[in-house]
Amino acid sequence: MTAVRTVLGDVPPEHLGVCDAHDHLFFGSPLLPGQELRSVSAARAELAAFRARGGGAVAQWTPYGLGRRAADLPALSRETGVHIVAATGLHQDVHYDGATLDGLRGRSAEVFVAELTEGIGTSGVRAGFIKVAGGFHGLDAHARRTMAAAAEAHHATGAPIAVHLELGTGALDVLDLLCGESGVPPHRVILGHLNRSPDGVLHRQAAESGCYLAFDGPSRAHHATDWRMPDAVRALAEAGFGDRLLLGGDTTTAAARSVDGGPGMPYLLRRVRPRLALAVGEELVTRILSENPGRAFGVEWR
């Protein structure tokens, strides 16, 4: 039976409701000193604000070693009524110290599988997907190793693989590696940040593979591309790929949270949703938010 693996257990895909398909409740990177997402109370308030706008689920793309606070996620989900899907996997190597990566050398796939099937650390909270990352117009050795491990973990569990595309680039290289060399079915791959590189030809080529395309992180550091997103979504929908589109907020710093004065998770429903509805119609936007995520994250778990 197909199920989305949330921090409170497996649920039917249709139970997600309106889903922010890429965001962060907790995140800490040496690249963002002093801007970490660490506050449990702020995460609770952000989820409540998202819920008040009609939100029902959030996929947290924070992977291994970046402050996921997995043990805190079940209580947050219960208290706010928002489903949370946690990630395993690895980000780019610049987000880690050498000791962390050395400790995973040769056993990344084993760790990913354990976090998907047994739990993250001692929390007992299971991840629901694998997050990996490419580089700017390329894949370095770390990205290739991590994606190979993610593919191995996918084959063992069925878990989806969500990919951070640096500034929206490198999508076809990622698909060549994951789907071509490693045999991951394209519908198990989610490509993130495509709004950051508004290349309609590349979007169409990626969509033709059968993968999911996530337009995430509007209003923050990449606002110059925001006005192009509705046209990109409309072009893909008109080409027949409306069932492969996802939307997310990608809040990565405390200042970006709505409870700290930023746009945060509610912005997706407060501003992005009505703007997209003008371009493609409310019916399609509802499907993108409420149906597509269930298919993207729903798995016949092995």
C-alpha atoms as a PDB file:
ATOM      1  CA  MET A   1       0.000   0.000   0.000  1.00  0.00           C
ATOM      2  CA  THR A   2       1.278   3.466  -0.895  1.00  0.00           C
ATOM      3  CA  ALA A   3       1.985   5.679   2.110  1.00  0.00           C
ATOM      4  CA  VAL A   4       3.784   8.896   3.000  1.00  0.00           C
ATOM      5  CA  ARG A   5       6.178   8.290   5.888  1.00  0.00           C
ATOM      6  CA  THR A   6       5.620  11.151   8.354  1.00  0.00           C
ATOM      7  CA  VAL A   7       7.253  11.686  11.728  1.00  0.00           C
ATOM      8  CA  LEU A   8       4.106  10.262  13.377  1.00  0.00           C
ATOM      9  CA  GLY A   9       3.985   7.217  11.098  1.00  0.00           C
ATOM     10  CA  ASP A  10       2.813   6.252   7.642  1.00  0.00           C
ATOM     11  CA  VAL A  11      -0.319   7.956   6.298  1.00  0.00           C
ATOM     12  CA  PRO A  12      -2.255   7.665   3.022  1.00  0.00           C
ATOM     13  CA  PRO A  13      -1.114  10.276   0.483  1.00  0.00           C
ATOM     14  CA  GLU A  14      -4.534  11.918   0.402  1.00  0.00           C
ATOM     15  CA  HIS A  15      -4.253  12.727   4.119  1.00  0.00           C
ATOM     16  CA  LEU A  16      -1.510  15.333   3.593  1.00  0.00           C
ATOM     17  CA  GLY A  17      -3.850  18.123   2.566  1.00  0.00           C
ATOM     18  CA  VAL A  18      -2.201  21.320   1.366  1.00  0.00           C
ATOM     19  CA  CYS A  19       1.532  20.609   1.373  1.00  0.00           C
ATOM     20  CA  ASP A  20       4.586  22.839   1.474  1.00  0.00           C
ATOM     21  CA  ALA A  21       6.774  20.385  -0.438  1.00  0.00           C
ATOM     22  CA  HIS A  22      10.121  21.952   0.511  1.00  0.00           C
ATOM     23  CA  ASP A  23      10.806  23.832   3.713  1.00  0.00           C
ATOM     24  CA  HIS A  24      12.829  23.799   6.930  1.00  0.00           C
ATOM     25  CA  LEU A  25      11.755  23.897  10.561  1.00  0.00           C
ATOM     26  CA  PHE A  26      15.321  23.404  11.784  1.00  0.00           C
ATOM     27  CA  PHE A  27      18.564  24.012   9.923  1.00  0.00           C
ATOM     28  CA  GLY A  28      22.116  24.847  10.927  1.00  0.00           C
ATOM     29  CA  SER A  29      25.063  25.279   8.579  1.00  0.00           C
ATOM     30  CA  PRO A  30      28.524  26.790   9.005  1.00  0.00           C
ATOM     31  CA  LEU A  31      27.652  28.840   5.922  1.00  0.00           C
ATOM     32  CA  LEU A  32      24.929  30.626   7.917  1.00  0.00           C
ATOM     33  CA  PRO A  33      26.569  31.626  11.220  1.00  0.00           C
ATOM     34  CA  GLY A  34      24.085  33.232  13.582  1.00  0.00           C
ATOM     35  CA  GLN A  35      21.141  32.557  11.270  1.00  0.00           C
ATOM     36  CA  GLU A  36      20.368  28.996  12.296  1.00  0.00           C
ATOM     37  CA  LEU A  37      16.851  27.635  12.724  1.00  0.00           C
ATOM     38  CA  ARG A  38      17.092  26.162  16.222  1.00  0.00           C
ATOM     39  CA  SER A  39      14.099  27.437  18.201  1.00  0.00           C
ATOM     40  CA  VAL A  40      11.385  24.878  18.943  1.00  0.00           C
ATOM     41  CA  SER A  41       8.931  27.611  19.949  1.00  0.00           C
ATOM     42  CA  ALA A  42       9.524  29.508  16.705  1.00  0.00           C
ATOM     43  CA  ALA A  43       9.051  26.305  14.694  1.00  0.00           C
ATOM     44  CA  ARG A  44       5.776  25.681  16.525  1.00  0.00           C
ATOM     45  CA  ALA A  45       4.568  29.223  15.829  1.00  0.00           C
ATOM     46  CA  GLU A  46       5.541  28.962  12.156  1.00  0.00           C
ATOM     47  CA  LEU A  47       3.659  25.698  11.746  1.00  0.00           C
ATOM     48  CA  ALA A  48       0.629  27.198  13.486  1.00  0.00           C
ATOM     49  CA  ALA A  49       0.724  30.193  11.141  1.00  0.00           C
ATOM     50  CA  PHE A  50       0.939  27.851   8.149  1.00  0.00           C
ATOM     51  CA  ARG A  51      -1.949  25.794   9.519  1.00  0.00           C
ATOM     52  CA  ALA A  52      -4.060  28.938   9.992  1.00  0.00           C
ATOM     53  CA  ARG A  53      -3.701  29.616   6.265  1.00  0.00           C
ATOM     54  CA  GLY A  54      -4.944  26.129   5.413  1.00  0.00           C
ATOM     55  CA  GLY A  55      -1.639  24.234   5.417  1.00  0.00           C
ATOM     56  CA  GLY A  56      -1.708  20.546   6.204  1.00  0.00           C
ATOM     57  CA  ALA A  57       1.789  19.163   5.635  1.00  0.00           C
ATOM     58  CA  VAL A  58       5.439  20.196   5.355  1.00  0.00           C
ATOM     59  CA  ALA A  59       8.364  18.278   3.903  1.00  0.00           C
ATOM     60  CA  GLN A  60      11.490  19.285   5.844  1.00  0.00           C
ATOM     61  CA  TRP A  61      14.482  18.990   3.518  1.00  0.00           C
ATOM     62  CA  THR A  62      17.072  19.246   6.321  1.00  0.00           C
ATOM     63  CA  PRO A  63      19.342  16.184   5.948  1.00  0.00           C
ATOM     64  CA  TYR A  64      21.892  14.393   8.093  1.00  0.00           C
ATOM     65  CA  GLY A  65      24.167  16.507  10.287  1.00  0.00           C
ATOM     66  CA  LEU A  66      22.458  19.880   9.868  1.00  0.00           C
ATOM     67  CA  GLY A  67      20.388  20.132  13.023  1.00  0.00           C
ATOM     68  CA  ARG A  68      17.181  18.327  12.083  1.00  0.00           C
ATOM     69  CA  ARG A  69      16.074  17.952  15.734  1.00  0.00           C
ATOM     70  CA  ALA A  70      14.183  14.810  14.765  1.00  0.00           C
ATOM     71  CA  ALA A  71      13.145  14.064  18.336  1.00  0.00           C
ATOM     72  CA  ASP A  72      11.221  17.370  18.499  1.00  0.00           C
ATOM     73  CA  LEU A  73       9.261  16.824  15.287  1.00  0.00           C
ATOM     74  CA  PRO A  74       6.523  14.421  16.504  1.00  0.00           C
ATOM     75  CA  ALA A  75       5.384  16.768  19.280  1.00  0.00           C
ATOM     76  CA  LEU A  76       5.354  19.704  16.873  1.00  0.00           C
ATOM     77  CA  SER A  77       3.235  17.726  14.448  1.00  0.00           C
ATOM     78  CA  ARG A  78       0.755  16.672  17.135  1.00  0.00           C
ATOM     79  CA  GLU A  79       0.522  20.143  18.663  1.00  0.00           C
ATOM     80  CA  THR A  80      -0.092  21.967  15.381  1.00  0.00           C
ATOM     81  CA  GLY A  81      -1.979  19.346  13.378  1.00  0.00           C
ATOM     82  CA  VAL A  82       0.510  19.614  10.504  1.00  0.00           C
ATOM     83  CA  HIS A  83       2.018  16.453   9.012  1.00  0.00           C
ATOM     84  CA  ILE A  84       5.828  16.600   8.871  1.00  0.00           C
ATOM     85  CA  VAL A  85       7.946  14.505   6.529  1.00  0.00           C
ATOM     86  CA  ALA A  86      11.612  14.370   7.558  1.00  0.00           C
ATOM     87  CA  ALA A  87      14.670  13.818   5.388  1.00  0.00           C
ATOM     88  CA  THR A  88      17.774  11.716   5.483  1.00  0.00           C
ATOM     89  CA  GLY A  89      20.611  12.244   2.992  1.00  0.00           C
ATOM     90  CA  LEU A  90      23.418  14.799   2.701  1.00  0.00           C
ATOM     91  CA  HIS A  91      23.767  18.372   1.491  1.00  0.00           C
ATOM     92  CA  GLN A  92      26.794  19.771  -0.367  1.00  0.00           C
ATOM     93  CA  ASP A  93      30.127  19.081   1.333  1.00  0.00           C
ATOM     94  CA  VAL A  94      30.627  22.780   2.182  1.00  0.00           C
ATOM     95  CA  HIS A  95      27.896  22.432   4.815  1.00  0.00           C
ATOM     96  CA  TYR A  96      29.926  19.928   6.867  1.00  0.00           C
ATOM     97  CA  ASP A  97      33.212  19.599   8.661  1.00  0.00           C
ATOM     98  CA  GLY A  98      35.620  16.954   7.491  1.00  0.00           C
ATOM     99  CA  ALA A  99      35.074  14.684  10.478  1.00  0.00           C
ATOM    100  CA  THR A 100      31.346  14.346   9.755  1.00  0.00           C
ATOM    101  CA  LEU A 101      31.922  13.317   6.155  1.00  0.00           C
ATOM    102  CA  ASP A 102      34.843  11.053   7.056  1.00  0.00           C
ATOM    103  CA  GLY A 103      32.568   9.266   9.515  1.00  0.00           C
ATOM    104  CA  LEU A 104      30.131   8.452   6.718  1.00  0.00           C
ATOM    105  CA  ARG A 105      32.705   7.376   4.176  1.00  0.00           C
ATOM    106  CA  GLY A 106      31.669   4.086   2.615  1.00  0.00           C
ATOM    107  CA  ARG A 107      28.513   3.725   4.701  1.00  0.00           C
ATOM    108  CA  SER A 108      26.236   6.573   3.609  1.00  0.00           C
ATOM    109  CA  ALA A 109      23.723   4.239   1.982  1.00  0.00           C
ATOM    110  CA  GLU A 110      23.584   2.140   5.152  1.00  0.00           C
ATOM    111  CA  VAL A 111      22.872   5.244   7.254  1.00  0.00           C
ATOM    112  CA  PHE A 112      20.198   6.477   4.845  1.00  0.00           C
ATOM    113  CA  VAL A 113      18.419   3.121   4.891  1.00  0.00           C
ATOM    114  CA  ALA A 114      18.552   2.942   8.677  1.00  0.00           C
ATOM    115  CA  GLU A 115      17.082   6.436   9.028  1.00  0.00           C
ATOM    116  CA  LEU A 116      14.292   5.559   6.596  1.00  0.00           C
ATOM    117  CA  THR A 117      13.389   2.239   8.166  1.00  0.00           C
ATOM    118  CA  GLU A 118      14.484   2.325  11.832  1.00  0.00           C
ATOM    119  CA  GLY A 119      14.800   5.952  12.841  1.00  0.00           C
ATOM    120  CA  ILE A 120      17.064   8.988  12.986  1.00  0.00           C
ATOM    121  CA  GLY A 121      19.601   8.447  15.757  1.00  0.00           C
ATOM    122  CA  THR A 122      17.850   7.319  18.917  1.00  0.00           C
ATOM    123  CA  SER A 123      14.699   9.339  18.218  1.00  0.00           C
ATOM    124  CA  GLY A 124      12.763   6.519  16.584  1.00  0.00           C
ATOM    125  CA  VAL A 125      11.535   9.087  14.040  1.00  0.00           C
ATOM    126  CA  ARG A 126      11.801   7.707  10.523  1.00  0.00           C
ATOM    127  CA  ALA A 127      12.715   9.816   7.512  1.00  0.00           C
ATOM    128  CA  GLY A 128      10.335   9.830   4.570  1.00  0.00           C
ATOM    129  CA  PHE A 129      12.717  10.736   1.748  1.00  0.00           C
ATOM    130  CA  ILE A 130      16.379  11.262   0.855  1.00  0.00           C
ATOM    131  CA  LYS A 131      17.785  14.741   0.214  1.00  0.00           C
ATOM    132  CA  VAL A 132      20.940  15.226  -1.885  1.00  0.00           C
ATOM    133  CA  ALA A 133      22.513  18.219  -3.620  1.00  0.00           C
ATOM    134  CA  GLY A 134      24.230  19.104  -6.850  1.00  0.00           C
ATOM    135  CA  GLY A 135      26.626  21.947  -7.578  1.00  0.00           C
ATOM    136  CA  PHE A 136      26.475  24.968  -9.854  1.00  0.00           C
ATOM    137  CA  HIS A 137      26.200  23.520 -13.364  1.00  0.00           C
ATOM    138  CA  GLY A 138      27.971  20.356 -12.283  1.00  0.00           C
ATOM    139  CA  LEU A 139      28.396  17.423  -9.917  1.00  0.00           C
ATOM    140  CA  ASP A 140      31.570  17.122  -7.882  1.00  0.00           C
ATOM    141  CA  ALA A 141      32.913  13.901  -6.365  1.00  0.00           C
ATOM    142  CA  HIS A 142      30.953  14.405  -3.129  1.00  0.00           C
ATOM    143  CA  ALA A 143      27.688  14.893  -5.016  1.00  0.00           C
ATOM    144  CA  ARG A 144      28.314  11.787  -7.102  1.00  0.00           C
ATOM    145  CA  ARG A 145      29.102   9.663  -4.050  1.00  0.00           C
ATOM    146  CA  THR A 146      26.081  10.966  -2.186  1.00  0.00           C
ATOM    147  CA  MET A 147      23.733  10.436  -5.125  1.00  0.00           C
ATOM    148  CA  ALA A 148      25.054   6.914  -5.660  1.00  0.00           C
ATOM    149  CA  ALA A 149      24.370   6.177  -1.986  1.00  0.00           C
ATOM    150  CA  ALA A 150      20.906   7.730  -2.286  1.00  0.00           C
ATOM    151  CA  ALA A 151      20.159   5.531  -5.286  1.00  0.00           C
ATOM    152  CA  GLU A 152      21.255   2.466  -3.331  1.00  0.00           C
ATOM    153  CA  ALA A 153      19.014   3.476  -0.434  1.00  0.00           C
ATOM    154  CA  HIS A 154      16.129   4.077  -2.835  1.00  0.00           C
ATOM    155  CA  HIS A 155      16.478   0.594  -4.312  1.00  0.00           C
ATOM    156  CA  ALA A 156      16.452  -0.871  -0.801  1.00  0.00           C
ATOM    157  CA  THR A 157      13.424   1.073   0.458  1.00  0.00           C
ATOM    158  CA  GLY A 158      11.546   2.749  -2.397  1.00  0.00           C
ATOM    159  CA  ALA A 159      12.133   6.209  -0.874  1.00  0.00           C
ATOM    160  CA  PRO A 160      11.962   9.314  -3.086  1.00  0.00           C
ATOM    161  CA  ILE A 161      15.113  11.335  -3.725  1.00  0.00           C
ATOM    162  CA  ALA A 162      14.822  15.131  -3.480  1.00  0.00           C
ATOM    163  CA  VAL A 163      17.611  17.146  -5.080  1.00  0.00           C
ATOM    164  CA  HIS A 164      18.868  20.616  -4.233  1.00  0.00           C
ATOM    165  CA  LEU A 165      19.861  22.128  -7.582  1.00  0.00           C
ATOM    166  CA  GLU A 166      22.337  24.936  -6.973  1.00  0.00           C
ATOM    167  CA  LEU A 167      20.628  28.058  -8.358  1.00  0.00           C
ATOM    168  CA  GLY A 168      18.414  25.697 -10.329  1.00  0.00           C
ATOM    169  CA  THR A 169      21.228  24.326 -12.492  1.00  0.00           C
ATOM    170  CA  GLY A 170      22.483  20.847 -13.360  1.00  0.00           C
ATOM    171  CA  ALA A 171      19.105  19.123 -13.612  1.00  0.00           C
ATOM    172  CA  LEU A 172      19.956  17.011 -16.639  1.00  0.00           C
ATOM    173  CA  ASP A 173      23.288  15.899 -15.139  1.00  0.00           C
ATOM    174  CA  VAL A 174      21.430  14.820 -11.990  1.00  0.00           C
ATOM    175  CA  LEU A 175      18.904  12.841 -14.027  1.00  0.00           C
ATOM    176  CA  ASP A 176      21.688  11.209 -16.057  1.00  0.00           C
ATOM    177  CA  LEU A 177      23.355  10.058 -12.839  1.00  0.00           C
ATOM    178  CA  LEU A 178      20.329   9.037 -10.773  1.00  0.00           C
ATOM    179  CA  CYS A 179      18.041   7.669 -13.463  1.00  0.00           C
ATOM    180  CA  GLY A 180      20.534   6.760 -16.171  1.00  0.00           C
ATOM    181  CA  GLU A 181      23.543   5.325 -14.349  1.00  0.00           C
ATOM    182  CA  SER A 182      21.853   4.322 -11.089  1.00  0.00           C
ATOM    183  CA  GLY A 183      18.475   3.114 -12.349  1.00  0.00           C
ATOM    184  CA  VAL A 184      16.215   5.242 -10.123  1.00  0.00           C
ATOM    185  CA  PRO A 185      12.751   5.567 -11.727  1.00  0.00           C
ATOM    186  CA  PRO A 186      12.281   9.224 -12.727  1.00  0.00           C
ATOM    187  CA  HIS A 187       8.995   9.508 -10.831  1.00  0.00           C
ATOM    188  CA  ARG A 188      10.981   8.887  -7.622  1.00  0.00           C
ATOM    189  CA  VAL A 189      13.129  12.011  -8.204  1.00  0.00           C
ATOM    190  CA  ILE A 190      12.153  15.538  -7.107  1.00  0.00           C
ATOM    191  CA  LEU A 191      14.224  18.367  -8.591  1.00  0.00           C
ATOM    192  CA  GLY A 192      14.264  21.459  -6.379  1.00  0.00           C
ATOM    193  CA  HIS A 193      14.796  25.174  -7.035  1.00  0.00           C
ATOM    194  CA  LEU A 194      13.883  25.168 -10.720  1.00  0.00           C
ATOM    195  CA  ASN A 195      12.424  28.651 -10.274  1.00  0.00           C
ATOM    196  CA  ARG A 196      15.956  29.943  -9.681  1.00  0.00           C
ATOM    197  CA  SER A 197      16.924  29.205 -13.287  1.00  0.00           C
ATOM    198  CA  PRO A 198      13.911  30.163 -15.421  1.00  0.00           C
ATOM    199  CA  ASP A 199      15.008  28.183 -18.472  1.00  0.00           C
ATOM    200  CA  GLY A 200      11.829  26.929 -20.106  1.00  0.00           C
ATOM    201  CA  VAL A 201      13.626  24.529 -22.428  1.00  0.00           C
ATOM    202  CA  LEU A 202      15.455  22.855 -19.549  1.00  0.00           C
ATOM    203  CA  HIS A 203      12.243  22.688 -17.511  1.00  0.00           C
ATOM    204  CA  ARG A 204      10.522  20.919 -20.404  1.00  0.00           C
ATOM    205  CA  GLN A 205      13.410  18.484 -20.874  1.00  0.00           C
ATOM    206  CA  ALA A 206      13.445  17.628 -17.179  1.00  0.00           C
ATOM    207  CA  ALA A 207       9.674  17.185 -17.098  1.00  0.00           C
ATOM    208  CA  GLU A 208       9.776  14.855 -20.077  1.00  0.00           C
ATOM    209  CA  SER A 209      11.885  12.458 -18.026  1.00  0.00           C
ATOM    210  CA  GLY A 210       8.935  11.873 -15.675  1.00  0.00           C
ATOM    211  CA  CYS A 211      10.472  13.460 -12.547  1.00  0.00           C
ATOM    212  CA  TYR A 212       8.819  16.003 -10.252  1.00  0.00           C
ATOM    213  CA  LEU A 213       9.727  19.673 -10.596  1.00  0.00           C
ATOM    214  CA  ALA A 214       9.700  21.821  -7.458  1.00  0.00           C
ATOM    215  CA  PHE A 215       9.374  25.588  -7.606  1.00  0.00           C
ATOM    216  CA  ASP A 216      10.479  26.551  -4.116  1.00  0.00           C
ATOM    217  CA  GLY A 217      12.003  29.419  -2.201  1.00  0.00           C
ATOM    218  CA  PRO A 218      10.150  32.450  -3.592  1.00  0.00           C
ATOM    219  CA  SER A 219      10.293  35.903  -1.992  1.00  0.00           C
ATOM    220  CA  ARG A 220      13.607  35.391  -0.235  1.00  0.00           C
ATOM    221  CA  ALA A 221      17.037  35.745  -1.825  1.00  0.00           C
ATOM    222  CA  HIS A 222      15.871  34.941  -5.326  1.00  0.00           C
ATOM    223  CA  HIS A 223      13.022  37.424  -5.738  1.00  0.00           C
ATOM    224  CA  ALA A 224      14.311  38.534  -9.158  1.00  0.00           C
ATOM    225  CA  THR A 225      12.954  35.317 -10.650  1.00  0.00           C
ATOM    226  CA  ASP A 226       9.612  35.346  -8.833  1.00  0.00           C
ATOM    227  CA  TRP A 227       7.733  37.125 -11.578  1.00  0.00           C
ATOM    228  CA  ARG A 228       8.842  34.478 -14.086  1.00  0.00           C
ATOM    229  CA  MET A 229       7.539  31.546 -12.022  1.00  0.00           C
ATOM    230  CA  PRO A 230       3.847  31.791 -13.015  1.00  0.00           C
ATOM    231  CA  ASP A 231       4.782  31.738 -16.693  1.00  0.00           C
ATOM    232  CA  ALA A 232       7.069  28.743 -16.144  1.00  0.00           C
ATOM    233  CA  VAL A 233       4.350  26.846 -14.302  1.00  0.00           C
ATOM    234  CA  ARG A 234       1.788  27.720 -16.976  1.00  0.00           C
ATOM    235  CA  ALA A 235       4.094  26.563 -19.782  1.00  0.00           C
ATOM    236  CA  LEU A 236       4.664  23.216 -18.091  1.00  0.00           C
ATOM    237  CA  ALA A 237       0.969  22.770 -17.361  1.00  0.00           C
ATOM    238  CA  GLU A 238       0.024  23.566 -20.959  1.00  0.00           C
ATOM    239  CA  ALA A 239       2.575  20.997 -22.112  1.00  0.00           C
ATOM    240  CA  GLY A 240       0.810  18.360 -20.010  1.00  0.00           C
ATOM    241  CA  PHE A 241       3.056  18.290 -16.945  1.00  0.00           C
ATOM    242  CA  GLY A 242       0.722  19.814 -14.370  1.00  0.00           C
ATOM    243  CA  ASP A 243       0.701  16.582 -12.381  1.00  0.00           C
ATOM    244  CA  ARG A 244       4.500  16.788 -11.897  1.00  0.00           C
ATOM    245  CA  LEU A 245       4.733  20.222 -10.261  1.00  0.00           C
ATOM    246  CA  LEU A 246       5.382  21.013  -6.581  1.00  0.00           C
ATOM    247  CA  LEU A 247       5.559  24.230  -4.552  1.00  0.00           C
ATOM    248  CA  GLY A 248       7.572  25.053  -1.451  1.00  0.00           C
ATOM    249  CA  GLY A 249       8.838  27.885   0.698  1.00  0.00           C
ATOM    250  CA  ASP A 250      12.417  26.832   1.602  1.00  0.00           C
ATOM    251  CA  THR A 251      12.811  28.917   4.758  1.00  0.00           C
ATOM    252  CA  THR A 252      16.459  28.526   5.794  1.00  0.00           C
ATOM    253  CA  THR A 253      17.158  31.398   8.199  1.00  0.00           C
ATOM    254  CA  ALA A 254      15.458  32.714  11.320  1.00  0.00           C
ATOM    255  CA  ALA A 255      14.918  36.134   9.737  1.00  0.00           C
ATOM    256  CA  ALA A 256      12.963  34.515   6.907  1.00  0.00           C
ATOM    257  CA  ARG A 257      10.348  33.049   9.255  1.00  0.00           C
ATOM    258  CA  SER A 258       7.002  34.802   9.276  1.00  0.00           C
ATOM    259  CA  VAL A 259       7.068  34.918  13.070  1.00  0.00           C
ATOM    260  CA  ASP A 260      10.315  36.902  12.845  1.00  0.00           C
ATOM    261  CA  GLY A 261       9.033  39.332  10.234  1.00  0.00           C
ATOM    262  CA  GLY A 262       9.893  37.424   7.068  1.00  0.00           C
ATOM    263  CA  PRO A 263       7.613  35.728   4.534  1.00  0.00           C
ATOM    264  CA  GLY A 264       7.995  32.218   5.973  1.00  0.00           C
ATOM    265  CA  MET A 265       5.759  29.241   5.322  1.00  0.00           C
ATOM    266  CA  PRO A 266       2.454  31.163   5.203  1.00  0.00           C
ATOM    267  CA  TYR A 267       3.702  33.203   2.217  1.00  0.00           C
ATOM    268  CA  LEU A 268       3.237  30.157   0.015  1.00  0.00           C
ATOM    269  CA  LEU A 269      -0.505  30.267   0.646  1.00  0.00           C
ATOM    270  CA  ARG A 270      -0.897  33.989   1.354  1.00  0.00           C
ATOM    271  CA  ARG A 271       0.817  35.331  -1.780  1.00  0.00           C
ATOM    272  CA  VAL A 272       2.180  32.606  -4.075  1.00  0.00           C
ATOM    273  CA  ARG A 273      -1.046  30.629  -4.333  1.00  0.00           C
ATOM    274  CA  PRO A 274      -3.298  33.509  -5.466  1.00  0.00           C
ATOM    275  CA  ARG A 275      -0.607  34.798  -7.851  1.00  0.00           C
ATOM    276  CA  LEU A 276      -0.316  31.396  -9.511  1.00  0.00           C
ATOM    277  CA  ALA A 277      -4.094  31.040  -9.620  1.00  0.00           C
ATOM    278  CA  LEU A 278      -4.229  34.131 -11.830  1.00  0.00           C
ATOM    279  CA  ALA A 279      -1.868  32.423 -14.270  1.00  0.00           C
ATOM    280  CA  VAL A 280      -3.104  28.839 -14.320  1.00  0.00           C
ATOM    281  CA  GLY A 281      -6.408  28.762 -12.428  1.00  0.00           C
ATOM    282  CA  GLU A 282      -7.297  27.767  -8.886  1.00  0.00           C
ATOM    283  CA  GLU A 283      -8.100  24.172  -9.829  1.00  0.00           C
ATOM    284  CA  LEU A 284      -4.560  23.441 -11.014  1.00  0.00           C
ATOM    285  CA  VAL A 285      -2.963  25.254  -8.071  1.00  0.00           C
ATOM    286  CA  THR A 286      -5.081  23.156  -5.704  1.00  0.00           C
ATOM    287  CA  ARG A 287      -3.881  19.974  -7.399  1.00  0.00           C
ATOM    288  CA  ILE A 288      -0.258  21.121  -7.247  1.00  0.00           C
ATOM    289  CA  LEU A 289      -0.548  21.797  -3.523  1.00  0.00           C
ATOM    290  CA  SER A 290      -2.877  18.979  -2.462  1.00  0.00           C
ATOM    291  CA  GLU A 291      -2.515  16.034  -4.840  1.00  0.00           C
ATOM    292  CA  ASN A 292       0.932  16.115  -6.406  1.00  0.00           C
ATOM    293  CA  PRO A 293       2.855  15.979  -3.097  1.00  0.00           C
ATOM    294  CA  GLY A 294       1.040  12.786  -2.095  1.00  0.00           C
ATOM    295  CA  ARG A 295       2.224  11.110  -5.277  1.00  0.00           C
ATOM    296  CA  ALA A 296       5.736  12.536  -5.025  1.00  0.00           C
ATOM    297  CA  PHE A 297       6.276  11.405  -1.425  1.00  0.00           C
ATOM    298  CA  GLY A 298       3.960   8.381  -1.414  1.00  0.00           C
ATOM    299  CA  VAL A 299       5.839   5.080  -1.463  1.00  0.00           C
ATOM    300  CA  GLU A 300       5.160   1.360  -1.490  1.00  0.00           C
ATOM    301  CA  TRP A 301       7.752   0.947   1.243  1.00  0.00           C
ATOM    302  CA  ARG A 302      10.165  -1.951   1.146  1.00  0.00           C
END
